[in-house]
PDB file of N, CA and C in Angstrom:
ATOM      1  N   MET A   1     -75.303  58.056  62.519  1.00  0.00           N
ATOM      2  CA  MET A   1     -76.042  56.947  63.381  1.00  0.00           C
ATOM      3  C   MET A   1     -77.112  56.912  63.330  1.00  0.00           C
ATOM      4  N   LEU A   2     -77.545  55.554  63.575  1.00  0.00           N
ATOM      5  CA  LEU A   2     -79.187  55.267  63.381  1.00  0.00           C
ATOM      6  C   LEU A   2     -79.784  55.528  64.957  1.00  0.00           C
ATOM      7  N   THR A   3     -80.551  56.123  64.885  1.00  0.00           N
ATOM      8  CA  THR A   3     -81.450  56.809  66.007  1.00  0.00           C
ATOM      9  C   THR A   3     -82.694  55.998  66.214  1.00  0.00           C
ATOM     10  N   ASN A   4     -83.167  56.077  67.574  1.00  0.00           N
ATOM     11  CA  ASN A   4     -84.478  55.548  67.611  1.00  0.00           C
ATOM     12  C   ASN A   4     -85.274  56.706  68.265  1.00  0.00           C
ATOM     13  N   ARG A   5     -86.590  56.860  68.102  1.00  0.00           N
ATOM     14  CA  ARG A   5     -87.319  57.950  68.386  1.00  0.00           C
ATOM     15  C   ARG A   5     -88.292  57.780  69.620  1.00  0.00           C
ATOM     16  N   SER A   6     -87.983  56.449  70.130  1.00  0.00           N
ATOM     17  CA  SER A   6     -88.551  56.128  71.360  1.00  0.00           C
ATOM     18  C   SER A   6     -87.864  57.045  72.571  1.00  0.00           C
ATOM     19  N   ARG A   7     -88.875  57.387  73.633  1.00  0.00           N
ATOM     20  CA  ARG A   7     -88.609  58.267  74.677  1.00  0.00           C
ATOM     21  C   ARG A   7     -87.801  57.068  75.611  1.00  0.00           C
ATOM     22  N   LEU A   8     -87.634  55.685  75.493  1.00  0.00           N
ATOM     23  CA  LEU A   8     -86.741  54.900  76.460  1.00  0.00           C
ATOM     24  C   LEU A   8     -85.494  55.244  76.059  1.00  0.00           C
ATOM     25  N   THR A   9     -84.900  55.328  74.903  1.00  0.00           N
ATOM     26  CA  THR A   9     -83.579  55.683  74.572  1.00  0.00           C
ATOM     27  C   THR A   9     -83.223  57.044  74.405  1.00  0.00           C
ATOM     28  N   GLN A  10     -83.881  58.160  74.411  1.00  0.00           N
ATOM     29  CA  GLN A  10     -83.906  59.451  74.721  1.00  0.00           C
ATOM     30  C   GLN A  10     -82.674  60.044  75.138  1.00  0.00           C
ATOM     31  N   GLY A  11     -81.830  60.522  74.537  1.00  0.00           N
ATOM     32  CA  GLY A  11     -80.506  61.171  75.056  1.00  0.00           C
ATOM     33  C   GLY A  11     -79.221  60.107  75.237  1.00  0.00           C
ATOM     34  N   ARG A  12     -79.598  59.142  74.592  1.00  0.00           N
ATOM     35  CA  ARG A  12     -78.604  57.801  75.253  1.00  0.00           C
ATOM     36  C   ARG A  12     -77.850  57.582  73.837  1.00  0.00           C
ATOM     37  N   ASP A  13     -76.679  57.258  73.846  1.00  0.00           N
ATOM     38  CA  ASP A  13     -76.175  56.929  72.367  1.00  0.00           C
ATOM     39  C   ASP A  13     -75.478  55.377  72.714  1.00  0.00           C
ATOM     40  N   PHE A  14     -75.563  54.537  71.834  1.00  0.00           N
ATOM     41  CA  PHE A  14     -75.047  53.205  71.871  1.00  0.00           C
ATOM     42  C   PHE A  14     -73.893  53.031  70.719  1.00  0.00           C
ATOM     43  N   ALA A  15     -72.424  52.714  71.126  1.00  0.00           N
ATOM     44  CA  ALA A  15     -71.409  52.453  70.480  1.00  0.00           C
ATOM     45  C   ALA A  15     -71.046  53.747  69.290  1.00  0.00           C
ATOM     46  N   VAL A  16     -70.898  54.722  69.827  1.00  0.00           N
ATOM     47  CA  VAL A  16     -70.805  56.039  69.423  1.00  0.00           C
ATOM     48  C   VAL A  16     -69.332  56.253  69.538  1.00  0.00           C
ATOM     49  N   ALA A  17     -68.269  56.476  68.580  1.00  0.00           N
ATOM     50  CA  ALA A  17     -67.192  56.882  68.964  1.00  0.00           C
ATOM     51  C   ALA A  17     -66.842  58.089  68.274  1.00  0.00           C
ATOM     52  N   SER A  18     -67.613  59.296  68.163  1.00  0.00           N
ATOM     53  CA  SER A  18     -67.445  60.602  67.503  1.00  0.00           C
ATOM     54  C   SER A  18     -68.319  61.426  68.344  1.00  0.00           C
ATOM     55  N   ALA A  19     -67.777  62.435  68.164  1.00  0.00           N
ATOM     56  CA  ALA A  19     -68.577  63.782  68.917  1.00  0.00           C
ATOM     57  C   ALA A  19     -69.420  64.428  67.990  1.00  0.00           C
ATOM     58  N   HIS A  20     -69.131  64.049  66.574  1.00  0.00           N
ATOM     59  CA  HIS A  20     -69.926  64.994  65.688  1.00  0.00           C
ATOM     60  C   HIS A  20     -70.645  63.754  65.016  1.00  0.00           C
ATOM     61  N   THR A  21     -72.074  63.480  64.897  1.00  0.00           N
ATOM     62  CA  THR A  21     -72.756  62.596  64.142  1.00  0.00           C
ATOM     63  C   THR A  21     -73.925  63.286  63.706  1.00  0.00           C
ATOM     64  N   TRP A  22     -74.687  62.511  62.493  1.00  0.00           N
ATOM     65  CA  TRP A  22     -75.541  62.608  61.961  1.00  0.00           C
ATOM     66  C   TRP A  22     -76.442  61.338  62.377  1.00  0.00           C
ATOM     67  N   ARG A  23     -78.020  61.842  63.051  1.00  0.00           N
ATOM     68  CA  ARG A  23     -78.639  61.067  63.221  1.00  0.00           C
ATOM     69  C   ARG A  23     -79.813  60.703  61.920  1.00  0.00           C
ATOM     70  N   LEU A  24     -79.958  59.184  61.981  1.00  0.00           N
ATOM     71  CA  LEU A  24     -80.942  58.784  60.790  1.00  0.00           C
ATOM     72  C   LEU A  24     -81.934  58.008  61.636  1.00  0.00           C
ATOM     73  N   GLY A  25     -83.244  57.814  61.178  1.00  0.00           N
ATOM     74  CA  GLY A  25     -83.861  56.966  61.665  1.00  0.00           C
ATOM     75  C   GLY A  25     -84.257  55.403  60.887  1.00  0.00           C
ATOM     76  N   ASP A  26     -83.272  55.543  59.795  1.00  0.00           N
ATOM     77  CA  ASP A  26     -83.381  54.505  58.836  1.00  0.00           C
ATOM     78  C   ASP A  26     -82.185  53.895  58.457  1.00  0.00           C
ATOM     79  N   LEU A  27     -82.078  52.308  58.374  1.00  0.00           N
ATOM     80  CA  LEU A  27     -80.829  51.798  58.329  1.00  0.00           C
ATOM     81  C   LEU A  27     -80.622  51.958  56.621  1.00  0.00           C
ATOM     82  N   GLY A  28     -81.497  52.141  55.925  1.00  0.00           N
ATOM     83  CA  GLY A  28     -81.144  52.143  54.640  1.00  0.00           C
ATOM     84  C   GLY A  28     -80.778  53.381  54.073  1.00  0.00           C
ATOM     85  N   ALA A  29     -81.146  54.729  54.621  1.00  0.00           N
ATOM     86  CA  ALA A  29     -80.751  55.933  54.503  1.00  0.00           C
ATOM     87  C   ALA A  29     -79.071  56.017  54.757  1.00  0.00           C
ATOM     88  N   LYS A  30     -78.807  55.445  55.930  1.00  0.00           N
ATOM     89  CA  LYS A  30     -77.320  55.240  56.625  1.00  0.00           C
ATOM     90  C   LYS A  30     -76.607  54.842  55.452  1.00  0.00           C
ATOM     91  N   HIS A  31     -77.106  53.601  55.104  1.00  0.00           N
ATOM     92  CA  HIS A  31     -76.416  52.891  54.039  1.00  0.00           C
ATOM     93  C   HIS A  31     -75.922  53.693  52.961  1.00  0.00           C
ATOM     94  N   LEU A  32     -76.732  54.259  52.208  1.00  0.00           N
ATOM     95  CA  LEU A  32     -76.605  55.066  51.415  1.00  0.00           C
ATOM     96  C   LEU A  32     -75.547  56.272  51.419  1.00  0.00           C
ATOM     97  N   LEU A  33     -75.828  56.840  52.534  1.00  0.00           N
ATOM     98  CA  LEU A  33     -75.081  58.025  52.903  1.00  0.00           C
ATOM     99  C   LEU A  33     -73.579  57.510  52.953  1.00  0.00           C
ATOM    100  N   LEU A  34     -73.147  56.342  53.801  1.00  0.00           N
ATOM    101  CA  LEU A  34     -71.947  55.786  53.717  1.00  0.00           C
ATOM    102  C   LEU A  34     -71.501  55.653  52.362  1.00  0.00           C
ATOM    103  N   LYS A  35     -72.038  54.966  51.586  1.00  0.00           N
ATOM    104  CA  LYS A  35     -71.525  54.575  50.127  1.00  0.00           C
ATOM    105  C   LYS A  35     -71.084  55.640  49.276  1.00  0.00           C
ATOM    106  N   GLU A  36     -71.965  57.092  49.816  1.00  0.00           N
ATOM    107  CA  GLU A  36     -71.697  58.257  49.053  1.00  0.00           C
ATOM    108  C   GLU A  36     -70.493  59.121  49.803  1.00  0.00           C
ATOM    109  N   GLY A  37     -69.852  58.513  50.836  1.00  0.00           N
ATOM    110  CA  GLY A  37     -69.008  58.781  51.389  1.00  0.00           C
ATOM    111  C   GLY A  37     -68.938  60.183  52.604  1.00  0.00           C
ATOM    112  N   PHE A  38     -70.335  59.800  52.832  1.00  0.00           N
ATOM    113  CA  PHE A  38     -70.614  60.882  54.134  1.00  0.00           C
ATOM    114  C   PHE A  38     -70.175  60.142  55.494  1.00  0.00           C
ATOM    115  N   GLY A  39     -68.857  60.000  55.940  1.00  0.00           N
ATOM    116  CA  GLY A  39     -68.573  59.743  57.021  1.00  0.00           C
ATOM    117  C   GLY A  39     -68.163  58.294  57.381  1.00  0.00           C
ATOM    118  N   TRP A  40     -68.544  57.819  58.569  1.00  0.00           N
ATOM    119  CA  TRP A  40     -68.288  56.007  58.774  1.00  0.00           C
ATOM    120  C   TRP A  40     -69.395  55.779  59.737  1.00  0.00           C
ATOM    121  N   GLY A  41     -69.444  54.348  60.079  1.00  0.00           N
ATOM    122  CA  GLY A  41     -70.360  54.136  60.670  1.00  0.00           C
ATOM    123  C   GLY A  41     -70.545  52.280  60.948  1.00  0.00           C
ATOM    124  N   ASN A  42     -71.118  51.720  61.843  1.00  0.00           N
ATOM    125  CA  ASN A  42     -71.501  50.483  62.003  1.00  0.00           C
ATOM    126  C   ASN A  42     -72.548  50.120  61.294  1.00  0.00           C
ATOM    127  N   MET A  43     -72.547  48.730  60.588  1.00  0.00           N
ATOM    128  CA  MET A  43     -73.710  48.648  59.662  1.00  0.00           C
ATOM    129  C   MET A  43     -73.823  46.972  59.892  1.00  0.00           C
ATOM    130  N   PRO A  44     -74.954  46.621  59.987  1.00  0.00           N
ATOM    131  CA  PRO A  44     -75.002  44.670  59.821  1.00  0.00           C
ATOM    132  C   PRO A  44     -74.154  44.331  58.564  1.00  0.00           C
ATOM    133  N   GLU A  45     -73.395  43.697  58.691  1.00  0.00           N
ATOM    134  CA  GLU A  45     -72.465  42.970  57.755  1.00  0.00           C
ATOM    135  C   GLU A  45     -73.332  42.328  56.553  1.00  0.00           C
ATOM    136  N   PRO A  46     -73.996  41.481  56.704  1.00  0.00           N
ATOM    137  CA  PRO A  46     -75.026  41.093  55.581  1.00  0.00           C
ATOM    138  C   PRO A  46     -75.271  42.073  54.509  1.00  0.00           C
ATOM    139  N   MET A  47     -75.863  43.550  55.019  1.00  0.00           N
ATOM    140  CA  MET A  47     -76.334  44.470  54.355  1.00  0.00           C
ATOM    141  C   MET A  47     -75.150  45.188  53.650  1.00  0.00           C
ATOM    142  N   VAL A  48     -73.993  44.787  53.958  1.00  0.00           N
ATOM    143  CA  VAL A  48     -72.798  45.648  53.213  1.00  0.00           C
ATOM    144  C   VAL A  48     -71.732  44.835  52.491  1.00  0.00           C
ATOM    145  N   ARG A  49     -71.944  43.639  52.519  1.00  0.00           N
ATOM    146  CA  ARG A  49     -71.215  42.542  52.104  1.00  0.00           C
ATOM    147  C   ARG A  49     -70.836  42.835  50.723  1.00  0.00           C
ATOM    148  N   ASP A  50     -71.774  42.861  49.842  1.00  0.00           N
ATOM    149  CA  ASP A  50     -71.458  43.421  48.344  1.00  0.00           C
ATOM    150  C   ASP A  50     -70.724  44.384  48.098  1.00  0.00           C
ATOM    151  N   ASP A  51     -71.040  45.579  49.138  1.00  0.00           N
ATOM    152  CA  ASP A  51     -70.200  46.713  48.891  1.00  0.00           C
ATOM    153  C   ASP A  51     -68.909  46.697  49.321  1.00  0.00           C
ATOM    154  N   LEU A  52     -68.468  46.016  50.567  1.00  0.00           N
ATOM    155  CA  LEU A  52     -67.230  45.598  50.651  1.00  0.00           C
ATOM    156  C   LEU A  52     -66.466  44.756  49.941  1.00  0.00           C
ATOM    157  N   ALA A  53     -67.112  43.904  48.968  1.00  0.00           N
ATOM    158  CA  ALA A  53     -66.461  42.920  47.950  1.00  0.00           C
ATOM    159  C   ALA A  53     -66.217  43.741  46.904  1.00  0.00           C
ATOM    160  N   ALA A  54     -67.067  44.675  46.663  1.00  0.00           N
ATOM    161  CA  ALA A  54     -66.855  45.692  45.181  1.00  0.00           C
ATOM    162  C   ALA A  54     -66.150  46.758  45.529  1.00  0.00           C
ATOM    163  N   GLY A  55     -65.632  47.139  46.801  1.00  0.00           N
ATOM    164  CA  GLY A  55     -64.628  48.075  46.928  1.00  0.00           C
ATOM    165  C   GLY A  55     -65.617  49.321  47.551  1.00  0.00           C
ATOM    166  N   ARG A  56     -66.851  49.550  47.229  1.00  0.00           N
ATOM    167  CA  ARG A  56     -67.809  50.482  47.440  1.00  0.00           C
ATOM    168  C   ARG A  56     -67.801  51.071  48.890  1.00  0.00           C
ATOM    169  N   LEU A  57     -67.533  50.224  49.914  1.00  0.00           N
ATOM    170  CA  LEU A  57     -67.292  50.454  51.328  1.00  0.00           C
ATOM    171  C   LEU A  57     -65.961  49.620  51.664  1.00  0.00           C
ATOM    172  N   LYS A  58     -65.345  50.159  52.729  1.00  0.00           N
ATOM    173  CA  LYS A  58     -63.919  49.720  53.527  1.00  0.00           C
ATOM    174  C   LYS A  58     -64.343  49.459  54.756  1.00  0.00           C
ATOM    175  N   ARG A  59     -63.805  48.273  55.130  1.00  0.00           N
ATOM    176  CA  ARG A  59     -63.969  47.975  56.687  1.00  0.00           C
ATOM    177  C   ARG A  59     -62.783  48.885  57.203  1.00  0.00           C
ATOM    178  N   LEU A  60     -63.122  49.387  58.298  1.00  0.00           N
ATOM    179  CA  LEU A  60     -62.069  50.158  58.897  1.00  0.00           C
ATOM    180  C   LEU A  60     -61.530  49.281  60.307  1.00  0.00           C
ATOM    181  N   ASP A  61     -60.183  49.654  60.254  1.00  0.00           N
ATOM    182  CA  ASP A  61     -59.422  48.454  61.427  1.00  0.00           C
ATOM    183  C   ASP A  61     -59.489  49.666  62.694  1.00  0.00           C
ATOM    184  N   MET A  62     -60.373  49.484  63.427  1.00  0.00           N
ATOM    185  CA  MET A  62     -60.318  50.282  64.837  1.00  0.00           C
ATOM    186  C   MET A  62     -60.432  49.362  66.097  1.00  0.00           C
ATOM    187  N   PRO A  63     -59.094  49.193  66.464  1.00  0.00           N
ATOM    188  CA  PRO A  63     -58.777  47.962  67.637  1.00  0.00           C
ATOM    189  C   PRO A  63     -59.455  48.092  68.840  1.00  0.00           C
ATOM    190  N   ASP A  64     -59.972  49.614  69.109  1.00  0.00           N
ATOM    191  CA  ASP A  64     -60.782  49.887  70.332  1.00  0.00           C
ATOM    192  C   ASP A  64     -61.857  49.403  70.323  1.00  0.00           C
ATOM    193  N   LEU A  65     -62.646  49.112  69.127  1.00  0.00           N
ATOM    194  CA  LEU A  65     -64.269  49.128  68.823  1.00  0.00           C
ATOM    195  C   LEU A  65     -64.234  47.671  68.049  1.00  0.00           C
ATOM    196  N   LYS A  66     -63.677  46.911  68.315  1.00  0.00           N
ATOM    197  CA  LYS A  66     -63.784  45.482  67.396  1.00  0.00           C
ATOM    198  C   LYS A  66     -65.126  44.999  67.644  1.00  0.00           C
ATOM    199  N   GLU A  67     -65.423  44.669  68.960  1.00  0.00           N
ATOM    200  CA  GLU A  67     -66.685  43.866  69.212  1.00  0.00           C
ATOM    201  C   GLU A  67     -67.648  45.051  69.916  1.00  0.00           C
ATOM    202  N   ALA A  68     -68.854  44.871  69.294  1.00  0.00           N
ATOM    203  CA  ALA A  68     -69.964  45.911  70.269  1.00  0.00           C
ATOM    204  C   ALA A  68     -70.888  44.724  70.408  1.00  0.00           C
ATOM    205  N   ILE A  69     -71.676  45.072  71.608  1.00  0.00           N
ATOM    206  CA  ILE A  69     -72.527  44.073  72.326  1.00  0.00           C
ATOM    207  C   ILE A  69     -73.678  44.892  72.442  1.00  0.00           C
ATOM    208  N   TYR A  70     -74.902  44.183  71.517  1.00  0.00           N
ATOM    209  CA  TYR A  70     -75.932  44.635  71.564  1.00  0.00           C
ATOM    210  C   TYR A  70     -77.159  43.700  72.333  1.00  0.00           C
ATOM    211  N   PRO A  71     -77.611  44.058  73.482  1.00  0.00           N
ATOM    212  CA  PRO A  71     -78.423  43.088  73.903  1.00  0.00           C
ATOM    213  C   PRO A  71     -79.775  43.272  73.444  1.00  0.00           C
ATOM    214  N   LEU A  72     -80.223  41.877  73.782  1.00  0.00           N
ATOM    215  CA  LEU A  72     -81.533  41.792  72.903  1.00  0.00           C
ATOM    216  C   LEU A  72     -82.684  41.335  74.194  1.00  0.00           C
ATOM    217  N   HIS A  73     -83.689  41.833  74.024  1.00  0.00           N
ATOM    218  CA  HIS A  73     -84.814  41.736  74.940  1.00  0.00           C
ATOM    219  C   HIS A  73     -85.924  41.296  74.125  1.00  0.00           C
ATOM    220  N   ALA A  74     -86.739  40.353  74.967  1.00  0.00           N
ATOM    221  CA  ALA A  74     -88.061  39.947  74.268  1.00  0.00           C
ATOM    222  C   ALA A  74     -88.969  40.580  75.302  1.00  0.00           C
ATOM    223  N   VAL A  75     -89.817  41.617  74.838  1.00  0.00           N
ATOM    224  CA  VAL A  75     -90.604  42.291  75.687  1.00  0.00           C
ATOM    225  C   VAL A  75     -92.218  41.926  75.175  1.00  0.00           C
ATOM    226  N   TYR A  76     -92.976  41.478  75.956  1.00  0.00           N
ATOM    227  CA  TYR A  76     -94.426  40.800  75.675  1.00  0.00           C
ATOM    228  C   TYR A  76     -95.203  41.504  76.666  1.00  0.00           C
ATOM    229  N   ARG A  77     -96.536  41.352  76.435  1.00  0.00           N
ATOM    230  CA  ARG A  77     -97.579  41.756  77.614  1.00  0.00           C
ATOM    231  C   ARG A  77     -97.505  40.450  78.572  1.00  0.00           C
ATOM    232  N   THR A  78     -97.465  40.522  79.666  1.00  0.00           N
ATOM    233  CA  THR A  78     -97.853  39.492  80.823  1.00  0.00           C
ATOM    234  C   THR A  78     -99.259  38.641  80.623  1.00  0.00           C
ATOM    235  N   ASP A  79    -100.226  39.543  80.027  1.00  0.00           N
ATOM    236  CA  ASP A  79    -101.523  38.996  79.939  1.00  0.00           C
ATOM    237  C   ASP A  79    -101.747  38.340  78.620  1.00  0.00           C
ATOM    238  N   THR A  80    -100.644  38.680  77.493  1.00  0.00           N
ATOM    239  CA  THR A  80    -100.626  37.573  76.339  1.00  0.00           C
ATOM    240  C   THR A  80     -99.469  37.377  75.831  1.00  0.00           C
ATOM    241  N   PRO A  81     -98.987  36.274  76.758  1.00  0.00           N
ATOM    242  CA  PRO A  81     -97.292  35.972  76.387  1.00  0.00           C
ATOM    243  C   PRO A  81     -97.475  35.142  74.780  1.00  0.00           C
ATOM    244  N   PRO A  82     -96.191  35.172  74.469  1.00  0.00           N
ATOM    245  CA  PRO A  82     -95.912  34.784  73.437  1.00  0.00           C
ATOM    246  C   PRO A  82     -96.422  32.871  73.024  1.00  0.00           C
ATOM    247  N   GLY A  83     -97.091  33.260  71.709  1.00  0.00           N
ATOM    248  CA  GLY A  83     -97.259  31.896  71.390  1.00  0.00           C
ATOM    249  C   GLY A  83     -96.186  30.940  71.009  1.00  0.00           C
ATOM    250  N   PRO A  84     -96.627  29.661  70.267  1.00  0.00           N
ATOM    251  CA  PRO A  84     -95.684  28.617  70.127  1.00  0.00           C
ATOM    252  C   PRO A  84     -94.408  29.151  69.292  1.00  0.00           C
ATOM    253  N   ALA A  85     -94.867  29.604  68.129  1.00  0.00           N
ATOM    254  CA  ALA A  85     -93.652  30.379  67.004  1.00  0.00           C
ATOM    255  C   ALA A  85     -92.962  31.456  67.762  1.00  0.00           C
ATOM    256  N   THR A  86     -93.534  32.465  68.512  1.00  0.00           N
ATOM    257  CA  THR A  86     -92.694  33.562  68.755  1.00  0.00           C
ATOM    258  C   THR A  86     -91.650  33.007  70.365  1.00  0.00           C
ATOM    259  N   ALA A  87     -92.372  32.081  71.121  1.00  0.00           N
ATOM    260  CA  ALA A  87     -91.487  31.291  72.064  1.00  0.00           C
ATOM    261  C   ALA A  87     -90.505  30.436  71.291  1.00  0.00           C
ATOM    262  N   PHE A  88     -90.859  29.730  70.358  1.00  0.00           N
ATOM    263  CA  PHE A  88     -89.573  29.291  69.643  1.00  0.00           C
ATOM    264  C   PHE A  88     -88.202  30.123  69.270  1.00  0.00           C
ATOM    265  N   LEU A  89     -88.848  31.390  68.734  1.00  0.00           N
ATOM    266  CA  LEU A  89     -87.841  32.293  68.113  1.00  0.00           C
ATOM    267  C   LEU A  89     -87.132  32.710  69.395  1.00  0.00           C
ATOM    268  N   ILE A  90     -87.714  33.046  70.536  1.00  0.00           N
ATOM    269  CA  ILE A  90     -87.010  33.864  71.579  1.00  0.00           C
ATOM    270  C   ILE A  90     -85.802  32.420  72.184  1.00  0.00           C
ATOM    271  N   GLU A  91     -86.243  31.488  72.441  1.00  0.00           N
ATOM    272  CA  GLU A  91     -85.726  30.211  72.733  1.00  0.00           C
ATOM    273  C   GLU A  91     -84.345  30.255  71.910  1.00  0.00           C
ATOM    274  N   ARG A  92     -84.563  30.280  70.573  1.00  0.00           N
ATOM    275  CA  ARG A  92     -83.460  30.194  69.367  1.00  0.00           C
ATOM    276  C   ARG A  92     -82.494  31.362  69.797  1.00  0.00           C
ATOM    277  N   PHE A  93     -82.903  32.607  69.893  1.00  0.00           N
ATOM    278  CA  PHE A  93     -81.946  33.664  69.706  1.00  0.00           C
ATOM    279  C   PHE A  93     -81.588  33.427  71.214  1.00  0.00           C
ATOM    280  N   LYS A  94     -82.020  33.222  72.225  1.00  0.00           N
ATOM    281  CA  LYS A  94     -81.209  32.718  73.647  1.00  0.00           C
ATOM    282  C   LYS A  94     -80.239  31.794  73.201  1.00  0.00           C
ATOM    283  N   GLY A  95     -80.186  30.765  72.541  1.00  0.00           N
ATOM    284  CA  GLY A  95     -79.296  29.784  72.347  1.00  0.00           C
ATOM    285  C   GLY A  95     -78.183  30.222  71.521  1.00  0.00           C
ATOM    286  N   GLN A  96     -78.329  31.167  70.570  1.00  0.00           N
ATOM    287  CA  GLN A  96     -77.199  31.975  69.700  1.00  0.00           C
ATOM    288  C   GLN A  96     -76.355  32.650  70.563  1.00  0.00           C
ATOM    289  N   ALA A  97     -77.100  33.364  71.632  1.00  0.00           N
ATOM    290  CA  ALA A  97     -76.447  34.461  72.368  1.00  0.00           C
ATOM    291  C   ALA A  97     -75.332  33.595  73.403  1.00  0.00           C
ATOM    292  N   GLY A  98     -75.620  32.561  73.591  1.00  0.00           N
ATOM    293  CA  GLY A  98     -74.722  31.627  74.501  1.00  0.00           C
ATOM    294  C   GLY A  98     -75.159  31.759  75.809  1.00  0.00           C
TER     295      GLY A  98
END
């Protein structure tokens, strides 16, 4: 599972369905371990699309874990609000989230 070294998430697991986990701080390393057959895990579909098509990875049918919700928060200092480009991106993300 991908881990975050921040104290804000210390001791918390998100979308974990196993008591035994490997914790990695790098999505690329997780991808390599999965391709080598070390367990299973969630990955962004664009990162594994070619591996799925080539049969190097297999999509697991897990009816109880079909959709995971990952909230997105835009965090910034109140004394330095987002500029035009960042404000545009925040609004686009909000619009896509529904």
